[in-house]
Amino acid sequence: MDSKTVKKYYQILIDTLLGTLVEPFKRRQERQVLSRIPKFYLFDVGVAGSLTKRRISVEKGEQFGKALEHFIYTELKAHRSYTELDYDINFWRTKSGMEVDFVLGRGEVAIEVKGTSRVDRKELRPLTTFIEDYSPRKAIVVCNEMEQQISGKIQIMPWKHFLANLWGGNIIQ
């Protein structure tokens, strides 16, 4: 199947509100930042899991991480709509493979989602690089840890705390 046909199928999903594209964050043009290929999310994490035959028996691992990222995206999208704040939701990725899952507003908030109950400090490198380049007001790792903590300029936040803060108006205004 050629790329034009694939793009048309994705566009049908978008037009029927079954999916959305998240565009790469680009405040300025840089050679090392990938800024062309968007990410695609279906309207519901459960439907996405069913279509991909994703079975999650424990709250850890790559599959759980992908599902948690998708869930956080749907919450961000709902929050943006219900609060009528209309902030941008983007992601950031470099040619070397560093990625921040969500960049809100015009780079005000950077969010990395990890499906782990123990965030390894080396997993903070992409977020740290984003902080150095763009100085967001907040940098957050949303994860499955039990307690909230801070590592430098990064807040490590259990997903339930993140959602409470998001809907409480403490993540982005």
N, C-alpha and C. Protein backbone atom coordinates (compact mmCIF):
# COMPACT_ATOMS: atom_id res chain seq x y z
N MET A 1 0.84 -1.16 0.00
CA MET A 1 0.00 0.00 0.00
C MET A 1 0.90 1.25 0.00
N ASP A 2 0.60 2.21 -0.84
CA ASP A 2 1.46 3.39 -0.91
C ASP A 2 1.11 4.39 0.20
N SER A 3 2.00 5.34 0.42
CA SER A 3 1.85 6.27 1.55
C SER A 3 0.63 7.18 1.41
N LYS A 4 0.26 7.53 0.19
CA LYS A 4 -0.92 8.38 -0.01
C LYS A 4 -2.19 7.67 0.45
N THR A 5 -2.28 6.38 0.17
CA THR A 5 -3.45 5.60 0.60
C THR A 5 -3.50 5.51 2.12
N VAL A 6 -2.36 5.25 2.73
CA VAL A 6 -2.29 5.17 4.19
C VAL A 6 -2.71 6.50 4.81
N LYS A 7 -2.22 7.60 4.27
CA LYS A 7 -2.59 8.93 4.78
C LYS A 7 -4.09 9.16 4.67
N LYS A 8 -4.70 8.69 3.58
CA LYS A 8 -6.15 8.84 3.41
C LYS A 8 -6.92 8.05 4.46
N TYR A 9 -6.45 6.84 4.78
CA TYR A 9 -7.10 6.04 5.82
C TYR A 9 -7.01 6.73 7.18
N TYR A 10 -5.83 7.25 7.50
CA TYR A 10 -5.67 7.99 8.76
C TYR A 10 -6.59 9.22 8.76
N GLN A 11 -6.68 9.90 7.64
CA GLN A 11 -7.53 11.09 7.57
C GLN A 11 -8.99 10.75 7.79
N ILE A 12 -9.43 9.59 7.32
CA ILE A 12 -10.81 9.14 7.56
C ILE A 12 -11.04 8.97 9.06
N LEU A 13 -10.07 8.35 9.75
CA LEU A 13 -10.18 8.17 11.20
C LEU A 13 -10.25 9.52 11.92
N ILE A 14 -9.46 10.46 11.47
CA ILE A 14 -9.45 11.80 12.07
C ILE A 14 -10.76 12.52 11.79
N ASP A 15 -11.22 12.47 10.55
CA ASP A 15 -12.46 13.16 10.16
C ASP A 15 -13.68 12.61 10.89
N THR A 16 -13.66 11.34 11.23
CA THR A 16 -14.79 10.72 11.94
C THR A 16 -14.59 10.74 13.46
N LEU A 17 -13.59 11.48 13.91
CA LEU A 17 -13.27 11.67 15.34
C LEU A 17 -12.87 10.37 16.04
N LEU A 18 -12.38 9.41 15.28
CA LEU A 18 -11.92 8.16 15.87
C LEU A 18 -10.44 8.20 16.22
N GLY A 19 -9.76 9.22 15.77
CA GLY A 19 -8.33 9.34 16.07
C GLY A 19 -7.87 10.77 15.94
N THR A 20 -6.70 11.05 16.50
CA THR A 20 -6.09 12.37 16.39
C THR A 20 -4.61 12.23 16.13
N LEU A 21 -4.06 13.25 15.50
CA LEU A 21 -2.62 13.33 15.29
C LEU A 21 -2.05 14.33 16.28
N VAL A 22 -0.93 13.97 16.86
CA VAL A 22 -0.20 14.89 17.73
C VAL A 22 1.05 15.29 16.97
N GLU A 23 1.17 16.58 16.73
CA GLU A 23 2.27 17.10 15.93
C GLU A 23 3.52 17.29 16.79
N PRO A 24 4.68 17.22 16.16
CA PRO A 24 5.93 17.47 16.90
C PRO A 24 6.00 18.93 17.36
N PHE A 25 6.63 19.13 18.51
CA PHE A 25 6.85 20.47 19.05
C PHE A 25 8.01 21.10 18.31
N LYS A 26 7.81 22.33 17.89
CA LYS A 26 8.90 23.06 17.26
C LYS A 26 8.71 24.55 17.53
N ARG A 27 9.49 25.03 18.45
CA ARG A 27 9.47 26.46 18.74
C ARG A 27 10.33 27.18 17.73
N ARG A 28 11.41 26.55 17.36
CA ARG A 28 12.32 27.08 16.35
C ARG A 28 12.83 25.91 15.53
N GLN A 29 13.27 26.17 14.35
CA GLN A 29 13.77 25.10 13.49
C GLN A 29 15.17 24.68 13.94
N GLU A 30 15.34 23.42 14.20
CA GLU A 30 16.63 22.89 14.59
C GLU A 30 16.93 21.64 13.77
N ARG A 31 18.19 21.42 13.52
CA ARG A 31 18.57 20.25 12.72
C ARG A 31 18.39 18.94 13.46
N GLN A 32 18.56 18.95 14.76
CA GLN A 32 18.53 17.70 15.52
C GLN A 32 17.12 17.28 15.96
N VAL A 33 16.13 18.16 15.78
CA VAL A 33 14.77 17.84 16.20
C VAL A 33 13.97 17.38 15.00
N LEU A 34 13.30 16.23 15.15
CA LEU A 34 12.43 15.73 14.09
C LEU A 34 11.12 16.49 14.14
N SER A 35 10.70 17.05 13.04
CA SER A 35 9.52 17.91 13.08
C SER A 35 8.52 17.63 11.96
N ARG A 36 8.51 16.43 11.45
CA ARG A 36 7.60 16.14 10.34
C ARG A 36 6.58 15.06 10.65
N ILE A 37 6.97 14.03 11.35
CA ILE A 37 6.11 12.86 11.49
C ILE A 37 5.30 12.94 12.79
N PRO A 38 3.97 13.06 12.69
CA PRO A 38 3.14 13.13 13.89
C PRO A 38 2.91 11.75 14.51
N LYS A 39 2.42 11.74 15.75
CA LYS A 39 1.99 10.51 16.41
C LYS A 39 0.48 10.41 16.25
N PHE A 40 -0.01 9.18 16.17
CA PHE A 40 -1.45 8.95 16.02
C PHE A 40 -1.98 8.26 17.27
N TYR A 41 -3.11 8.76 17.78
CA TYR A 41 -3.78 8.13 18.92
C TYR A 41 -5.24 7.89 18.55
N LEU A 42 -5.75 6.72 18.87
CA LEU A 42 -7.18 6.47 18.72
C LEU A 42 -7.93 7.19 19.83
N PHE A 43 -9.23 7.33 19.67
CA PHE A 43 -10.05 8.09 20.61
C PHE A 43 -10.13 7.44 21.99
N ASP A 44 -9.80 6.17 22.10
CA ASP A 44 -9.97 5.46 23.37
C ASP A 44 -8.85 4.44 23.55
N VAL A 45 -8.25 4.43 24.72
CA VAL A 45 -7.14 3.51 24.98
C VAL A 45 -7.59 2.05 24.97
N GLY A 46 -8.82 1.78 25.39
CA GLY A 46 -9.33 0.41 25.38
C GLY A 46 -9.53 -0.13 23.96
N VAL A 47 -10.04 0.71 23.09
CA VAL A 47 -10.21 0.32 21.69
C VAL A 47 -8.84 0.07 21.06
N ALA A 48 -7.89 0.96 21.33
CA ALA A 48 -6.52 0.78 20.80
C ALA A 48 -5.93 -0.53 21.29
N GLY A 49 -6.13 -0.84 22.57
CA GLY A 49 -5.62 -2.10 23.13
C GLY A 49 -6.27 -3.31 22.50
N SER A 50 -7.56 -3.22 22.25
CA SER A 50 -8.28 -4.33 21.62
C SER A 50 -7.80 -4.55 20.19
N LEU A 51 -7.66 -3.47 19.44
CA LEU A 51 -7.22 -3.60 18.04
C LEU A 51 -5.81 -4.17 17.93
N THR A 52 -4.95 -3.83 18.88
CA THR A 52 -3.57 -4.32 18.85
C THR A 52 -3.40 -5.62 19.63
N LYS A 53 -4.53 -6.13 20.14
CA LYS A 53 -4.53 -7.37 20.94
C LYS A 53 -3.58 -7.27 22.14
N ARG A 54 -3.58 -6.06 22.74
CA ARG A 54 -2.73 -5.79 23.90
C ARG A 54 -3.39 -6.36 25.14
N ARG A 55 -2.69 -7.22 25.82
CA ARG A 55 -3.16 -7.82 27.07
C ARG A 55 -2.17 -7.44 28.17
N ILE A 56 -2.67 -6.76 29.17
CA ILE A 56 -1.80 -6.30 30.25
C ILE A 56 -2.22 -7.01 31.53
N SER A 57 -1.34 -7.87 32.02
CA SER A 57 -1.66 -8.61 33.24
C SER A 57 -1.04 -7.97 34.48
N VAL A 58 0.03 -7.22 34.30
CA VAL A 58 0.66 -6.50 35.42
C VAL A 58 0.95 -5.06 34.99
N GLU A 59 0.97 -4.17 35.97
CA GLU A 59 1.18 -2.75 35.69
C GLU A 59 2.66 -2.42 35.56
N LYS A 60 3.28 -2.99 34.54
CA LYS A 60 4.67 -2.69 34.24
C LYS A 60 4.97 -3.18 32.84
N GLY A 61 6.09 -2.77 32.31
CA GLY A 61 6.51 -3.24 31.00
C GLY A 61 6.11 -2.28 29.88
N GLU A 62 6.59 -2.59 28.69
CA GLU A 62 6.40 -1.73 27.52
C GLU A 62 4.92 -1.56 27.16
N GLN A 63 4.15 -2.64 27.18
CA GLN A 63 2.74 -2.55 26.81
C GLN A 63 1.96 -1.68 27.79
N PHE A 64 2.24 -1.85 29.08
CA PHE A 64 1.59 -1.01 30.08
C PHE A 64 1.99 0.44 29.88
N GLY A 65 3.25 0.69 29.59
CA GLY A 65 3.74 2.05 29.35
C GLY A 65 3.03 2.72 28.18
N LYS A 66 2.85 1.97 27.09
CA LYS A 66 2.14 2.52 25.93
C LYS A 66 0.68 2.82 26.27
N ALA A 67 0.05 1.92 27.00
CA ALA A 67 -1.35 2.14 27.39
C ALA A 67 -1.46 3.34 28.33
N LEU A 68 -0.53 3.47 29.28
CA LEU A 68 -0.56 4.60 30.20
C LEU A 68 -0.35 5.91 29.45
N GLU A 69 0.58 5.95 28.50
CA GLU A 69 0.80 7.14 27.68
C GLU A 69 -0.48 7.52 26.93
N HIS A 70 -1.13 6.54 26.35
CA HIS A 70 -2.37 6.78 25.60
C HIS A 70 -3.46 7.32 26.54
N PHE A 71 -3.56 6.72 27.72
CA PHE A 71 -4.54 7.16 28.72
C PHE A 71 -4.28 8.61 29.13
N ILE A 72 -3.04 8.95 29.40
CA ILE A 72 -2.69 10.32 29.79
C ILE A 72 -3.03 11.28 28.65
N TYR A 73 -2.77 10.87 27.41
CA TYR A 73 -3.13 11.71 26.27
C TYR A 73 -4.63 11.99 26.24
N THR A 74 -5.44 10.95 26.43
CA THR A 74 -6.89 11.16 26.37
C THR A 74 -7.34 12.08 27.51
N GLU A 75 -6.70 12.01 28.65
CA GLU A 75 -7.03 12.90 29.76
C GLU A 75 -6.62 14.34 29.45
N LEU A 76 -5.44 14.52 28.85
CA LEU A 76 -5.01 15.87 28.47
C LEU A 76 -5.98 16.47 27.45
N LYS A 77 -6.36 15.66 26.49
CA LYS A 77 -7.28 16.12 25.45
C LYS A 77 -8.64 16.49 26.05
N ALA A 78 -9.14 15.67 26.95
CA ALA A 78 -10.42 15.97 27.62
C ALA A 78 -10.30 17.23 28.46
N HIS A 79 -9.20 17.36 29.20
CA HIS A 79 -8.98 18.54 30.04
C HIS A 79 -8.96 19.80 29.19
N ARG A 80 -8.24 19.75 28.09
CA ARG A 80 -8.15 20.90 27.19
C ARG A 80 -9.54 21.31 26.70
N SER A 81 -10.35 20.33 26.38
CA SER A 81 -11.69 20.61 25.87
C SER A 81 -12.63 21.12 26.96
N TYR A 82 -12.69 20.42 28.09
CA TYR A 82 -13.64 20.79 29.14
C TYR A 82 -13.31 22.11 29.80
N THR A 83 -12.03 22.43 29.94
CA THR A 83 -11.65 23.70 30.58
C THR A 83 -11.63 24.85 29.59
N GLU A 84 -11.74 24.52 28.30
CA GLU A 84 -11.69 25.51 27.22
C GLU A 84 -10.40 26.33 27.24
N LEU A 85 -9.31 25.72 27.73
CA LEU A 85 -8.02 26.40 27.74
C LEU A 85 -7.36 26.38 26.37
N ASP A 86 -7.71 25.41 25.56
CA ASP A 86 -7.25 25.32 24.17
C ASP A 86 -5.73 25.40 24.02
N TYR A 87 -5.00 24.73 24.89
CA TYR A 87 -3.54 24.69 24.78
C TYR A 87 -3.12 23.63 23.77
N ASP A 88 -1.95 23.84 23.17
CA ASP A 88 -1.39 22.86 22.24
C ASP A 88 -0.93 21.62 23.00
N ILE A 89 -1.09 20.47 22.37
CA ILE A 89 -0.51 19.22 22.87
C ILE A 89 0.39 18.70 21.76
N ASN A 90 1.67 18.67 22.03
CA ASN A 90 2.66 18.19 21.06
C ASN A 90 3.55 17.16 21.72
N PHE A 91 4.51 16.65 20.97
CA PHE A 91 5.56 15.81 21.53
C PHE A 91 6.87 16.32 20.96
N TRP A 92 7.98 15.89 21.54
CA TRP A 92 9.30 16.34 21.10
C TRP A 92 10.19 15.11 20.90
N ARG A 93 10.86 15.05 19.76
CA ARG A 93 11.75 13.92 19.46
C ARG A 93 12.95 14.42 18.68
N THR A 94 14.13 13.90 19.04
CA THR A 94 15.35 14.27 18.33
C THR A 94 15.77 13.14 17.40
N LYS A 95 16.67 13.46 16.50
CA LYS A 95 17.20 12.46 15.58
C LYS A 95 17.93 11.35 16.33
N SER A 96 18.48 11.66 17.49
CA SER A 96 19.21 10.64 18.27
C SER A 96 18.27 9.73 19.05
N GLY A 97 16.95 10.01 18.99
CA GLY A 97 15.98 9.12 19.63
C GLY A 97 15.45 9.59 20.97
N MET A 98 15.90 10.74 21.46
CA MET A 98 15.35 11.26 22.72
C MET A 98 13.94 11.76 22.45
N GLU A 99 13.04 11.50 23.39
CA GLU A 99 11.65 11.90 23.20
C GLU A 99 11.03 12.32 24.51
N VAL A 100 10.20 13.36 24.44
CA VAL A 100 9.34 13.77 25.54
C VAL A 100 7.92 13.56 25.02
N ASP A 101 7.13 12.79 25.75
CA ASP A 101 5.83 12.36 25.26
C ASP A 101 4.86 13.50 24.97
N PHE A 102 4.80 14.50 25.86
CA PHE A 102 3.85 15.59 25.67
C PHE A 102 4.48 16.92 26.05
N VAL A 103 4.28 17.90 25.20
CA VAL A 103 4.70 19.27 25.45
C VAL A 103 3.43 20.11 25.34
N LEU A 104 3.08 20.77 26.44
CA LEU A 104 1.82 21.52 26.49
C LEU A 104 2.07 23.01 26.30
N GLY A 105 1.06 23.67 25.73
CA GLY A 105 1.17 25.10 25.46
C GLY A 105 2.25 25.34 24.45
N ARG A 106 2.99 26.36 24.64
CA ARG A 106 4.11 26.68 23.76
C ARG A 106 5.43 26.28 24.42
N GLY A 107 5.40 25.10 25.04
CA GLY A 107 6.59 24.61 25.73
C GLY A 107 6.55 24.90 27.22
N GLU A 108 5.39 25.26 27.74
CA GLU A 108 5.25 25.59 29.16
C GLU A 108 5.45 24.37 30.06
N VAL A 109 4.92 23.22 29.61
CA VAL A 109 4.96 22.01 30.43
C VAL A 109 5.44 20.86 29.57
N ALA A 110 6.41 20.11 30.11
CA ALA A 110 6.93 18.91 29.43
C ALA A 110 6.57 17.70 30.29
N ILE A 111 6.01 16.68 29.65
CA ILE A 111 5.53 15.50 30.37
C ILE A 111 6.08 14.24 29.72
N GLU A 112 6.72 13.41 30.51
CA GLU A 112 7.18 12.10 30.08
C GLU A 112 6.37 11.07 30.85
N VAL A 113 5.86 10.07 30.16
CA VAL A 113 5.05 9.02 30.79
C VAL A 113 5.85 7.73 30.82
N LYS A 114 5.97 7.15 31.99
CA LYS A 114 6.71 5.89 32.17
C LYS A 114 5.82 4.88 32.89
N GLY A 115 5.72 3.70 32.35
CA GLY A 115 4.89 2.65 32.94
C GLY A 115 5.64 1.84 33.97
N THR A 116 6.43 2.49 34.78
CA THR A 116 7.26 1.79 35.76
C THR A 116 6.92 2.26 37.16
N SER A 117 7.18 1.42 38.13
CA SER A 117 6.95 1.79 39.53
C SER A 117 8.24 2.34 40.15
N ARG A 118 9.31 2.37 39.38
CA ARG A 118 10.59 2.92 39.85
C ARG A 118 11.28 3.60 38.67
N VAL A 119 11.28 4.92 38.65
CA VAL A 119 11.89 5.67 37.55
C VAL A 119 13.40 5.67 37.72
N ASP A 120 14.07 5.16 36.72
CA ASP A 120 15.53 5.13 36.69
C ASP A 120 16.02 6.51 36.28
N ARG A 121 17.01 7.03 36.95
CA ARG A 121 17.52 8.38 36.69
C ARG A 121 17.98 8.56 35.24
N LYS A 122 18.47 7.50 34.60
CA LYS A 122 18.90 7.63 33.20
C LYS A 122 17.71 7.87 32.27
N GLU A 123 16.50 7.48 32.71
CA GLU A 123 15.29 7.71 31.92
C GLU A 123 14.89 9.19 31.92
N LEU A 124 15.53 10.00 32.76
CA LEU A 124 15.23 11.42 32.84
C LEU A 124 16.00 12.24 31.82
N ARG A 125 16.95 11.61 31.12
CA ARG A 125 17.83 12.34 30.19
C ARG A 125 17.07 13.12 29.11
N PRO A 126 16.10 12.54 28.42
CA PRO A 126 15.38 13.33 27.41
C PRO A 126 14.69 14.57 28.01
N LEU A 127 14.08 14.40 29.16
CA LEU A 127 13.40 15.51 29.81
C LEU A 127 14.40 16.57 30.26
N THR A 128 15.54 16.13 30.77
CA THR A 128 16.61 17.06 31.17
C THR A 128 17.11 17.84 29.96
N THR A 129 17.29 17.19 28.83
CA THR A 129 17.74 17.86 27.61
C THR A 129 16.69 18.87 27.16
N PHE A 130 15.42 18.51 27.22
CA PHE A 130 14.35 19.43 26.85
C PHE A 130 14.37 20.66 27.76
N ILE A 131 14.57 20.44 29.05
CA ILE A 131 14.64 21.55 30.02
C ILE A 131 15.79 22.50 29.66
N GLU A 132 16.95 21.93 29.34
CA GLU A 132 18.11 22.75 28.97
C GLU A 132 17.85 23.58 27.72
N ASP A 133 17.13 23.00 26.75
CA ASP A 133 16.89 23.69 25.48
C ASP A 133 15.73 24.68 25.52
N TYR A 134 14.69 24.40 26.31
CA TYR A 134 13.46 25.19 26.22
C TYR A 134 12.97 25.80 27.53
N SER A 135 13.54 25.43 28.67
CA SER A 135 13.17 25.99 29.98
C SER A 135 11.67 26.01 30.25
N PRO A 136 11.02 24.85 30.24
CA PRO A 136 9.58 24.84 30.54
C PRO A 136 9.33 25.25 31.99
N ARG A 137 8.13 25.75 32.25
CA ARG A 137 7.74 26.11 33.62
C ARG A 137 7.68 24.87 34.51
N LYS A 138 7.24 23.75 33.93
CA LYS A 138 7.13 22.49 34.67
C LYS A 138 7.63 21.35 33.81
N ALA A 139 8.30 20.40 34.45
CA ALA A 139 8.73 19.16 33.80
C ALA A 139 8.30 18.02 34.71
N ILE A 140 7.55 17.09 34.16
CA ILE A 140 6.91 16.06 34.98
C ILE A 140 7.10 14.68 34.36
N VAL A 141 7.43 13.71 35.20
CA VAL A 141 7.38 12.31 34.80
C VAL A 141 6.14 11.73 35.46
N VAL A 142 5.22 11.25 34.65
CA VAL A 142 4.01 10.59 35.14
C VAL A 142 4.31 9.11 35.12
N CYS A 143 4.12 8.45 36.27
CA CYS A 143 4.53 7.04 36.36
C CYS A 143 3.65 6.29 37.34
N ASN A 144 4.10 5.11 37.67
CA ASN A 144 3.37 4.22 38.56
C ASN A 144 4.05 4.14 39.93
N GLU A 145 4.91 5.11 40.24
CA GLU A 145 5.54 5.13 41.57
C GLU A 145 4.48 5.41 42.63
N MET A 146 4.79 5.08 43.86
CA MET A 146 3.83 5.25 44.95
C MET A 146 3.82 6.67 45.51
N GLU A 147 4.99 7.32 45.54
CA GLU A 147 5.12 8.64 46.15
C GLU A 147 5.64 9.65 45.14
N GLN A 148 5.23 10.88 45.34
CA GLN A 148 5.72 11.98 44.52
C GLN A 148 7.12 12.35 45.01
N GLN A 149 8.00 12.72 44.08
CA GLN A 149 9.34 13.16 44.46
C GLN A 149 9.87 14.14 43.43
N ILE A 150 11.00 14.74 43.74
CA ILE A 150 11.62 15.71 42.84
C ILE A 150 13.05 15.30 42.57
N SER A 151 13.45 15.37 41.31
CA SER A 151 14.83 15.09 40.91
C SER A 151 15.30 16.29 40.09
N GLY A 152 16.04 17.19 40.72
CA GLY A 152 16.46 18.41 40.05
C GLY A 152 15.25 19.27 39.75
N LYS A 153 15.03 19.57 38.48
CA LYS A 153 13.88 20.39 38.06
C LYS A 153 12.69 19.55 37.62
N ILE A 154 12.80 18.24 37.83
CA ILE A 154 11.76 17.31 37.35
C ILE A 154 10.93 16.78 38.52
N GLN A 155 9.60 16.90 38.38
CA GLN A 155 8.69 16.30 39.34
C GLN A 155 8.38 14.88 38.87
N ILE A 156 8.57 13.92 39.75
CA ILE A 156 8.18 12.53 39.46
C ILE A 156 6.87 12.31 40.21
N MET A 157 5.82 12.00 39.43
CA MET A 157 4.47 12.05 39.98
C MET A 157 3.69 10.78 39.64
N PRO A 158 3.14 10.10 40.66
CA PRO A 158 2.23 8.99 40.36
C PRO A 158 1.09 9.48 39.48
N TRP A 159 0.62 8.64 38.59
CA TRP A 159 -0.38 9.07 37.62
C TRP A 159 -1.65 9.60 38.28
N LYS A 160 -2.04 9.04 39.41
CA LYS A 160 -3.25 9.51 40.09
C LYS A 160 -3.04 10.94 40.61
N HIS A 161 -1.85 11.22 41.13
CA HIS A 161 -1.53 12.58 41.59
C HIS A 161 -1.52 13.54 40.40
N PHE A 162 -0.96 13.08 39.28
CA PHE A 162 -0.92 13.92 38.10
C PHE A 162 -2.33 14.31 37.67
N LEU A 163 -3.22 13.33 37.60
CA LEU A 163 -4.60 13.62 37.18
C LEU A 163 -5.30 14.57 38.15
N ALA A 164 -5.08 14.38 39.44
CA ALA A 164 -5.67 15.29 40.43
C ALA A 164 -5.14 16.71 40.22
N ASN A 165 -3.85 16.84 39.96
CA ASN A 165 -3.25 18.15 39.72
C ASN A 165 -3.71 18.75 38.39
N LEU A 166 -3.84 17.92 37.36
CA LEU A 166 -4.30 18.40 36.07
C LEU A 166 -5.71 18.99 36.19
N TRP A 167 -6.63 18.19 36.72
CA TRP A 167 -8.02 18.62 36.83
C TRP A 167 -8.20 19.67 37.91
N GLY A 168 -7.25 19.78 38.84
CA GLY A 168 -7.29 20.83 39.87
C GLY A 168 -6.72 22.15 39.39
N GLY A 169 -6.23 22.19 38.15
CA GLY A 169 -5.71 23.43 37.58
C GLY A 169 -4.27 23.73 37.94
N ASN A 170 -3.52 22.72 38.39
CA ASN A 170 -2.15 22.95 38.84
C ASN A 170 -1.08 22.56 37.83
N ILE A 171 -1.44 22.07 36.66
CA ILE A 171 -0.44 21.68 35.65
C ILE A 171 -0.30 22.78 34.61
N ILE A 172 -1.38 23.22 34.05
CA ILE A 172 -1.35 24.27 33.03
C ILE A 172 -2.58 25.16 33.20
N GLN A 173 -2.36 26.45 33.00
CA GLN A 173 -3.48 27.40 33.14
C GLN A 173 -3.80 27.99 31.79
